[in-house]
Amino acid sequence: MFDMGSQLEVFPTHLHLRRIDPARNMRRYYQIAIHSDLFGQASLVREWGRIGSRGQMMIETHPDEGRAINALMKLARAKQRKGYAL
């Protein structure tokens, strides 16, 4: 049958993106990670800011890990369109 645990290993649960443009003095990072919480939900943790600084953080909760992975992939595509690279 279908093994959910092995299927989820194919998708990323942690991404670190960077956007560096010396001409514009731009050195930014965007980090996305998925963590399970104690209530059976998945938390999507987003951190962003200037490289070398503490930056900001936001946590979104999702009912399951699959939906959190979908949100992670959607965010990653949006950031890559803006010039962020892995």
PDB file of N, CA and C in Angstrom:
ATOM      1  N   MET A   1       0.812  -1.191   0.000  1.00  0.00           N
ATOM      2  CA  MET A   1       0.000   0.000   0.000  1.00  0.00           C
ATOM      3  C   MET A   1       0.850   1.246   0.000  1.00  0.00           C
ATOM      4  N   PHE A   2       0.244   2.344   0.353  1.00  0.00           N
ATOM      5  CA  PHE A   2       0.898   3.648   0.345  1.00  0.00           C
ATOM      6  C   PHE A   2       1.499   3.942   1.711  1.00  0.00           C
ATOM      7  N   ASP A   3       2.794   4.199   1.748  1.00  0.00           N
ATOM      8  CA  ASP A   3       3.482   4.510   3.003  1.00  0.00           C
ATOM      9  C   ASP A   3       3.728   6.014   3.069  1.00  0.00           C
ATOM     10  N   MET A   4       2.969   6.705   3.912  1.00  0.00           N
ATOM     11  CA  MET A   4       3.044   8.161   4.016  1.00  0.00           C
ATOM     12  C   MET A   4       4.422   8.632   4.484  1.00  0.00           C
ATOM     13  N   GLY A   5       5.049   7.920   5.372  1.00  0.00           N
ATOM     14  CA  GLY A   5       6.354   8.320   5.887  1.00  0.00           C
ATOM     15  C   GLY A   5       7.421   8.370   4.817  1.00  0.00           C
ATOM     16  N   SER A   6       7.487   7.362   3.953  1.00  0.00           N
ATOM     17  CA  SER A   6       8.504   7.355   2.905  1.00  0.00           C
ATOM     18  C   SER A   6       8.182   8.358   1.808  1.00  0.00           C
ATOM     19  N   GLN A   7       6.899   8.640   1.570  1.00  0.00           N
ATOM     20  CA  GLN A   7       6.523   9.619   0.548  1.00  0.00           C
ATOM     21  C   GLN A   7       6.941  11.028   0.961  1.00  0.00           C
ATOM     22  N   LEU A   8       6.792  11.365   2.228  1.00  0.00           N
ATOM     23  CA  LEU A   8       7.134  12.703   2.686  1.00  0.00           C
ATOM     24  C   LEU A   8       8.633  12.963   2.672  1.00  0.00           C
ATOM     25  N   GLU A   9       9.448  11.910   2.672  1.00  0.00           N
ATOM     26  CA  GLU A   9      10.894  12.089   2.624  1.00  0.00           C
ATOM     27  C   GLU A   9      11.351  12.647   1.286  1.00  0.00           C
ATOM     28  N   VAL A  10      10.539  12.527   0.246  1.00  0.00           N
ATOM     29  CA  VAL A  10      10.885  13.019  -1.084  1.00  0.00           C
ATOM     30  C   VAL A  10      10.822  14.543  -1.122  1.00  0.00           C
ATOM     31  N   PHE A  11       9.939  15.142  -0.348  1.00  0.00           N
ATOM     32  CA  PHE A  11       9.729  16.581  -0.366  1.00  0.00           C
ATOM     33  C   PHE A  11      10.586  17.254   0.701  1.00  0.00           C
ATOM     34  N   PRO A  12      11.066  18.464   0.416  1.00  0.00           N
ATOM     35  CA  PRO A  12      11.917  19.153   1.391  1.00  0.00           C
ATOM     36  C   PRO A  12      11.120  19.636   2.606  1.00  0.00           C
ATOM     37  N   THR A  13      11.756  19.599   3.762  1.00  0.00           N
ATOM     38  CA  THR A  13      11.148  20.133   4.972  1.00  0.00           C
ATOM     39  C   THR A  13      11.947  21.313   5.507  1.00  0.00           C
ATOM     40  N   HIS A  14      13.013  21.672   4.810  1.00  0.00           N
ATOM     41  CA  HIS A  14      13.843  22.804   5.223  1.00  0.00           C
ATOM     42  C   HIS A  14      14.503  23.412   3.989  1.00  0.00           C
ATOM     43  N   LEU A  15      14.356  24.718   3.803  1.00  0.00           N
ATOM     44  CA  LEU A  15      14.993  25.417   2.690  1.00  0.00           C
ATOM     45  C   LEU A  15      15.678  26.676   3.203  1.00  0.00           C
ATOM     46  N   HIS A  16      16.830  26.976   2.636  1.00  0.00           N
ATOM     47  CA  HIS A  16      17.547  28.210   2.958  1.00  0.00           C
ATOM     48  C   HIS A  16      17.835  28.912   1.637  1.00  0.00           C
ATOM     49  N   LEU A  17      17.180  30.039   1.398  1.00  0.00           N
ATOM     50  CA  LEU A  17      17.327  30.791   0.160  1.00  0.00           C
ATOM     51  C   LEU A  17      18.103  32.072   0.435  1.00  0.00           C
ATOM     52  N   ARG A  18      18.844  32.538  -0.579  1.00  0.00           N
ATOM     53  CA  ARG A  18      19.624  33.768  -0.446  1.00  0.00           C
ATOM     54  C   ARG A  18      19.435  34.632  -1.675  1.00  0.00           C
ATOM     55  N   ARG A  19      19.508  35.932  -1.453  1.00  0.00           N
ATOM     56  CA  ARG A  19      19.487  36.889  -2.559  1.00  0.00           C
ATOM     57  C   ARG A  19      20.588  37.897  -2.292  1.00  0.00           C
ATOM     58  N   ILE A  20      21.632  37.862  -3.127  1.00  0.00           N
ATOM     59  CA  ILE A  20      22.784  38.733  -2.947  1.00  0.00           C
ATOM     60  C   ILE A  20      22.985  39.545  -4.221  1.00  0.00           C
ATOM     61  N   ASP A  21      22.977  40.867  -4.079  1.00  0.00           N
ATOM     62  CA  ASP A  21      23.201  41.790  -5.188  1.00  0.00           C
ATOM     63  C   ASP A  21      24.111  42.912  -4.682  1.00  0.00           C
ATOM     64  N   PRO A  22      25.433  42.791  -4.899  1.00  0.00           N
ATOM     65  CA  PRO A  22      26.372  43.801  -4.389  1.00  0.00           C
ATOM     66  C   PRO A  22      26.114  45.204  -4.941  1.00  0.00           C
ATOM     67  N   ALA A  23      25.621  45.310  -6.163  1.00  0.00           N
ATOM     68  CA  ALA A  23      25.369  46.623  -6.754  1.00  0.00           C
ATOM     69  C   ALA A  23      24.282  47.379  -5.995  1.00  0.00           C
ATOM     70  N   ARG A  24      23.342  46.656  -5.425  1.00  0.00           N
ATOM     71  CA  ARG A  24      22.243  47.273  -4.670  1.00  0.00           C
ATOM     72  C   ARG A  24      22.446  47.154  -3.160  1.00  0.00           C
ATOM     73  N   ASN A  25      23.620  46.673  -2.729  1.00  0.00           N
ATOM     74  CA  ASN A  25      23.927  46.447  -1.313  1.00  0.00           C
ATOM     75  C   ASN A  25      22.851  45.555  -0.658  1.00  0.00           C
ATOM     76  N   MET A  26      22.478  44.506  -1.377  1.00  0.00           N
ATOM     77  CA  MET A  26      21.423  43.603  -0.923  1.00  0.00           C
ATOM     78  C   MET A  26      22.025  42.242  -0.568  1.00  0.00           C
ATOM     79  N   ARG A  27      21.840  41.838   0.682  1.00  0.00           N
ATOM     80  CA  ARG A  27      22.288  40.531   1.157  1.00  0.00           C
ATOM     81  C   ARG A  27      21.195  39.992   2.065  1.00  0.00           C
ATOM     82  N   ARG A  28      20.229  39.289   1.492  1.00  0.00           N
ATOM     83  CA  ARG A  28      19.065  38.813   2.236  1.00  0.00           C
ATOM     84  C   ARG A  28      19.023  37.292   2.279  1.00  0.00           C
ATOM     85  N   TYR A  29      18.359  36.795   3.316  1.00  0.00           N
ATOM     86  CA  TYR A  29      18.117  35.360   3.410  1.00  0.00           C
ATOM     87  C   TYR A  29      16.652  35.116   3.712  1.00  0.00           C
ATOM     88  N   TYR A  30      16.188  33.924   3.362  1.00  0.00           N
ATOM     89  CA  TYR A  30      14.821  33.505   3.653  1.00  0.00           C
ATOM     90  C   TYR A  30      14.895  32.020   3.965  1.00  0.00           C
ATOM     91  N   GLN A  31      14.538  31.655   5.159  1.00  0.00           N
ATOM     92  CA  GLN A  31      14.636  30.269   5.606  1.00  0.00           C
ATOM     93  C   GLN A  31      13.240  29.755   5.941  1.00  0.00           C
ATOM     94  N   ILE A  32      12.913  28.560   5.452  1.00  0.00           N
ATOM     95  CA  ILE A  32      11.608  27.951   5.681  1.00  0.00           C
ATOM     96  C   ILE A  32      11.828  26.540   6.221  1.00  0.00           C
ATOM     97  N   ALA A  33      11.134  26.183   7.286  1.00  0.00           N
ATOM     98  CA  ALA A  33      11.265  24.846   7.873  1.00  0.00           C
ATOM     99  C   ALA A  33       9.905  24.363   8.361  1.00  0.00           C
ATOM    100  N   ILE A  34       9.728  23.043   8.350  1.00  0.00           N
ATOM    101  CA  ILE A  34       8.497  22.422   8.843  1.00  0.00           C
ATOM    102  C   ILE A  34       8.836  21.627  10.095  1.00  0.00           C
ATOM    103  N   HIS A  35       8.061  21.862  11.154  1.00  0.00           N
ATOM    104  CA  HIS A  35       8.240  21.153  12.417  1.00  0.00           C
ATOM    105  C   HIS A  35       6.891  20.607  12.868  1.00  0.00           C
ATOM    106  N   SER A  36       6.887  19.421  13.441  1.00  0.00           N
ATOM    107  CA  SER A  36       5.664  18.871  14.013  1.00  0.00           C
ATOM    108  C   SER A  36       5.483  19.444  15.413  1.00  0.00           C
ATOM    109  N   ASP A  37       4.221  19.705  15.770  1.00  0.00           N
ATOM    110  CA  ASP A  37       3.973  20.199  17.122  1.00  0.00           C
ATOM    111  C   ASP A  37       3.335  19.095  17.969  1.00  0.00           C
ATOM    112  N   LEU A  38       3.087  19.382  19.218  1.00  0.00           N
ATOM    113  CA  LEU A  38       2.566  18.381  20.156  1.00  0.00           C
ATOM    114  C   LEU A  38       1.101  18.035  19.933  1.00  0.00           C
ATOM    115  N   PHE A  39       0.417  18.782  19.086  1.00  0.00           N
ATOM    116  CA  PHE A  39      -1.008  18.590  18.877  1.00  0.00           C
ATOM    117  C   PHE A  39      -1.320  17.857  17.574  1.00  0.00           C
ATOM    118  N   GLY A  40      -0.312  17.295  16.922  1.00  0.00           N
ATOM    119  CA  GLY A  40      -0.515  16.539  15.692  1.00  0.00           C
ATOM    120  C   GLY A  40      -0.580  17.405  14.449  1.00  0.00           C
ATOM    121  N   GLN A  41      -0.314  18.680  14.575  1.00  0.00           N
ATOM    122  CA  GLN A  41      -0.298  19.573  13.429  1.00  0.00           C
ATOM    123  C   GLN A  41       1.138  19.829  13.002  1.00  0.00           C
ATOM    124  N   ALA A  42       1.291  20.497  11.873  1.00  0.00           N
ATOM    125  CA  ALA A  42       2.613  20.853  11.375  1.00  0.00           C
ATOM    126  C   ALA A  42       2.750  22.368  11.389  1.00  0.00           C
ATOM    127  N   SER A  43       3.881  22.857  11.844  1.00  0.00           N
ATOM    128  CA  SER A  43       4.150  24.293  11.878  1.00  0.00           C
ATOM    129  C   SER A  43       5.140  24.639  10.782  1.00  0.00           C
ATOM    130  N   LEU A  44       4.816  25.672  10.015  1.00  0.00           N
ATOM    131  CA  LEU A  44       5.701  26.186   8.980  1.00  0.00           C
ATOM    132  C   LEU A  44       6.375  27.423   9.566  1.00  0.00           C
ATOM    133  N   VAL A  45       7.682  27.316   9.798  1.00  0.00           N
ATOM    134  CA  VAL A  45       8.444  28.396  10.424  1.00  0.00           C
ATOM    135  C   VAL A  45       9.197  29.140   9.333  1.00  0.00           C
ATOM    136  N   ARG A  46       8.928  30.443   9.228  1.00  0.00           N
ATOM    137  CA  ARG A  46       9.566  31.289   8.216  1.00  0.00           C
ATOM    138  C   ARG A  46      10.442  32.316   8.918  1.00  0.00           C
ATOM    139  N   GLU A  47      11.695  32.420   8.465  1.00  0.00           N
ATOM    140  CA  GLU A  47      12.626  33.422   8.995  1.00  0.00           C
ATOM    141  C   GLU A  47      13.214  34.177   7.811  1.00  0.00           C
ATOM    142  N   TRP A  48      13.350  35.499   7.965  1.00  0.00           N
ATOM    143  CA  TRP A  48      13.917  36.293   6.892  1.00  0.00           C
ATOM    144  C   TRP A  48      14.598  37.531   7.450  1.00  0.00           C
ATOM    145  N   GLY A  49      15.505  38.075   6.634  1.00  0.00           N
ATOM    146  CA  GLY A  49      16.199  39.290   7.048  1.00  0.00           C
ATOM    147  C   GLY A  49      17.490  39.476   6.280  1.00  0.00           C
ATOM    148  N   ARG A  50      18.298  40.393   6.747  1.00  0.00           N
ATOM    149  CA  ARG A  50      19.600  40.649   6.141  1.00  0.00           C
ATOM    150  C   ARG A  50      20.595  39.614   6.669  1.00  0.00           C
ATOM    151  N   ILE A  51      21.439  39.110   5.790  1.00  0.00           N
ATOM    152  CA  ILE A  51      22.430  38.118   6.187  1.00  0.00           C
ATOM    153  C   ILE A  51      23.330  38.727   7.260  1.00  0.00           C
ATOM    154  N   GLY A  52      23.493  38.016   8.361  1.00  0.00           N
ATOM    155  CA  GLY A  52      24.300  38.489   9.475  1.00  0.00           C
ATOM    156  C   GLY A  52      23.488  39.126  10.582  1.00  0.00           C
ATOM    157  N   SER A  53      22.188  39.344  10.329  1.00  0.00           N
ATOM    158  CA  SER A  53      21.326  39.924  11.361  1.00  0.00           C
ATOM    159  C   SER A  53      20.356  38.857  11.873  1.00  0.00           C
ATOM    160  N   ARG A  54      19.668  39.183  12.936  1.00  0.00           N
ATOM    161  CA  ARG A  54      18.731  38.233  13.535  1.00  0.00           C
ATOM    162  C   ARG A  54      17.495  38.038  12.674  1.00  0.00           C
ATOM    163  N   GLY A  55      16.990  39.067  12.058  1.00  0.00           N
ATOM    164  CA  GLY A  55      15.845  38.961  11.166  1.00  0.00           C
ATOM    165  C   GLY A  55      14.524  38.825  11.900  1.00  0.00           C
ATOM    166  N   GLN A  56      13.516  38.406  11.170  1.00  0.00           N
ATOM    167  CA  GLN A  56      12.169  38.240  11.700  1.00  0.00           C
ATOM    168  C   GLN A  56      11.723  36.798  11.555  1.00  0.00           C
ATOM    169  N   MET A  57      10.660  36.438  12.308  1.00  0.00           N
ATOM    170  CA  MET A  57      10.169  35.064  12.266  1.00  0.00           C
ATOM    171  C   MET A  57       8.646  35.079  12.293  1.00  0.00           C
ATOM    172  N   MET A  58       8.057  34.124  11.572  1.00  0.00           N
ATOM    173  CA  MET A  58       6.614  33.948  11.586  1.00  0.00           C
ATOM    174  C   MET A  58       6.314  32.450  11.562  1.00  0.00           C
ATOM    175  N   ILE A  59       5.325  32.026  12.335  1.00  0.00           N
ATOM    176  CA  ILE A  59       4.958  30.612  12.409  1.00  0.00           C
ATOM    177  C   ILE A  59       3.515  30.462  11.956  1.00  0.00           C
ATOM    178  N   GLU A  60       3.302  29.562  10.985  1.00  0.00           N
ATOM    179  CA  GLU A  60       1.961  29.217  10.518  1.00  0.00           C
ATOM    180  C   GLU A  60       1.686  27.774  10.914  1.00  0.00           C
ATOM    181  N   THR A  61       0.479  27.485  11.355  1.00  0.00           N
ATOM    182  CA  THR A  61       0.126  26.095  11.654  1.00  0.00           C
ATOM    183  C   THR A  61      -0.754  25.555  10.540  1.00  0.00           C
ATOM    184  N   HIS A  62      -0.530  24.287  10.219  1.00  0.00           N
ATOM    185  CA  HIS A  62      -1.292  23.577   9.193  1.00  0.00           C
ATOM    186  C   HIS A  62      -1.806  22.275   9.798  1.00  0.00           C
ATOM    187  N   PRO A  63      -2.954  21.785   9.319  1.00  0.00           N
ATOM    188  CA  PRO A  63      -3.547  20.578   9.912  1.00  0.00           C
ATOM    189  C   PRO A  63      -2.688  19.323   9.760  1.00  0.00           C
ATOM    190  N   ASP A  64      -1.878  19.256   8.701  1.00  0.00           N
ATOM    191  CA  ASP A  64      -1.011  18.087   8.525  1.00  0.00           C
ATOM    192  C   ASP A  64       0.265  18.500   7.782  1.00  0.00           C
ATOM    193  N   GLU A  65       1.209  17.582   7.738  1.00  0.00           N
ATOM    194  CA  GLU A  65       2.510  17.878   7.134  1.00  0.00           C
ATOM    195  C   GLU A  65       2.420  18.060   5.625  1.00  0.00           C
ATOM    196  N   GLY A  66       1.494  17.372   4.983  1.00  0.00           N
ATOM    197  CA  GLY A  66       1.330  17.499   3.535  1.00  0.00           C
ATOM    198  C   GLY A  66       0.950  18.913   3.131  1.00  0.00           C
ATOM    199  N   ARG A  67       0.021  19.509   3.857  1.00  0.00           N
ATOM    200  CA  ARG A  67      -0.389  20.885   3.548  1.00  0.00           C
ATOM    201  C   ARG A  67       0.722  21.878   3.876  1.00  0.00           C
ATOM    202  N   ALA A  68       1.493  21.588   4.895  1.00  0.00           N
ATOM    203  CA  ALA A  68       2.630  22.451   5.226  1.00  0.00           C
ATOM    204  C   ALA A  68       3.690  22.382   4.123  1.00  0.00           C
ATOM    205  N   ILE A  69       3.909  21.207   3.568  1.00  0.00           N
ATOM    206  CA  ILE A  69       4.868  21.055   2.474  1.00  0.00           C
ATOM    207  C   ILE A  69       4.384  21.803   1.245  1.00  0.00           C
ATOM    208  N   ASN A  70       3.074  21.730   0.960  1.00  0.00           N
ATOM    209  CA  ASN A  70       2.523  22.487  -0.168  1.00  0.00           C
ATOM    210  C   ASN A  70       2.752  23.986   0.023  1.00  0.00           C
ATOM    211  N   ALA A  71       2.535  24.489   1.222  1.00  0.00           N
ATOM    212  CA  ALA A  71       2.763  25.908   1.507  1.00  0.00           C
ATOM    213  C   ALA A  71       4.239  26.257   1.364  1.00  0.00           C
ATOM    214  N   LEU A  72       5.132  25.373   1.817  1.00  0.00           N
ATOM    215  CA  LEU A  72       6.576  25.589   1.686  1.00  0.00           C
ATOM    216  C   LEU A  72       6.970  25.688   0.220  1.00  0.00           C
ATOM    217  N   MET A  73       6.466  24.785  -0.603  1.00  0.00           N
ATOM    218  CA  MET A  73       6.813  24.786  -2.027  1.00  0.00           C
ATOM    219  C   MET A  73       6.273  26.043  -2.715  1.00  0.00           C
ATOM    220  N   LYS A  74       5.084  26.475  -2.350  1.00  0.00           N
ATOM    221  CA  LYS A  74       4.499  27.685  -2.937  1.00  0.00           C
ATOM    222  C   LYS A  74       5.336  28.915  -2.570  1.00  0.00           C
ATOM    223  N   LEU A  75       5.750  29.010  -1.307  1.00  0.00           N
ATOM    224  CA  LEU A  75       6.612  30.121  -0.877  1.00  0.00           C
ATOM    225  C   LEU A  75       7.959  30.097  -1.593  1.00  0.00           C
ATOM    226  N   ALA A  76       8.528  28.901  -1.737  1.00  0.00           N
ATOM    227  CA  ALA A  76       9.831  28.773  -2.392  1.00  0.00           C
ATOM    228  C   ALA A  76       9.752  29.237  -3.849  1.00  0.00           C
ATOM    229  N   ARG A  77       8.687  28.857  -4.559  1.00  0.00           N
ATOM    230  CA  ARG A  77       8.528  29.294  -5.951  1.00  0.00           C
ATOM    231  C   ARG A  77       8.404  30.819  -6.032  1.00  0.00           C
ATOM    232  N   ALA A  78       7.626  31.405  -5.123  1.00  0.00           N
ATOM    233  CA  ALA A  78       7.449  32.859  -5.125  1.00  0.00           C
ATOM    234  C   ALA A  78       8.773  33.567  -4.862  1.00  0.00           C
ATOM    235  N   LYS A  79       9.557  33.075  -3.919  1.00  0.00           N
ATOM    236  CA  LYS A  79      10.847  33.693  -3.600  1.00  0.00           C
ATOM    237  C   LYS A  79      11.840  33.524  -4.752  1.00  0.00           C
ATOM    238  N   GLN A  80      11.822  32.376  -5.414  1.00  0.00           N
ATOM    239  CA  GLN A  80      12.729  32.171  -6.538  1.00  0.00           C
ATOM    240  C   GLN A  80      12.382  33.088  -7.700  1.00  0.00           C
ATOM    241  N   ARG A  81      11.099  33.389  -7.898  1.00  0.00           N
ATOM    242  CA  ARG A  81      10.707  34.340  -8.936  1.00  0.00           C
ATOM    243  C   ARG A  81      11.233  35.744  -8.614  1.00  0.00           C
ATOM    244  N   LYS A  82      11.384  36.050  -7.336  1.00  0.00           N
ATOM    245  CA  LYS A  82      11.897  37.363  -6.908  1.00  0.00           C
ATOM    246  C   LYS A  82      13.418  37.442  -6.921  1.00  0.00           C
ATOM    247  N   GLY A  83      14.096  36.336  -7.240  1.00  0.00           N
ATOM    248  CA  GLY A  83      15.547  36.368  -7.367  1.00  0.00           C
ATOM    249  C   GLY A  83      16.301  35.619  -6.287  1.00  0.00           C
ATOM    250  N   TYR A  84      15.612  34.973  -5.369  1.00  0.00           N
ATOM    251  CA  TYR A  84      16.288  34.183  -4.337  1.00  0.00           C
ATOM    252  C   TYR A  84      16.760  32.867  -4.948  1.00  0.00           C
ATOM    253  N   ALA A  85      17.913  32.394  -4.508  1.00  0.00           N
ATOM    254  CA  ALA A  85      18.489  31.143  -5.017  1.00  0.00           C
ATOM    255  C   ALA A  85      18.796  30.228  -3.847  1.00  0.00           C
ATOM    256  N   LEU A  86      18.833  28.918  -4.116  1.00  0.00           N
ATOM    257  CA  LEU A  86      19.150  27.934  -3.076  1.00  0.00           C
ATOM    258  C   LEU A  86      20.579  28.034  -2.633  1.00  0.00           C
TER     259      LEU A  86
END
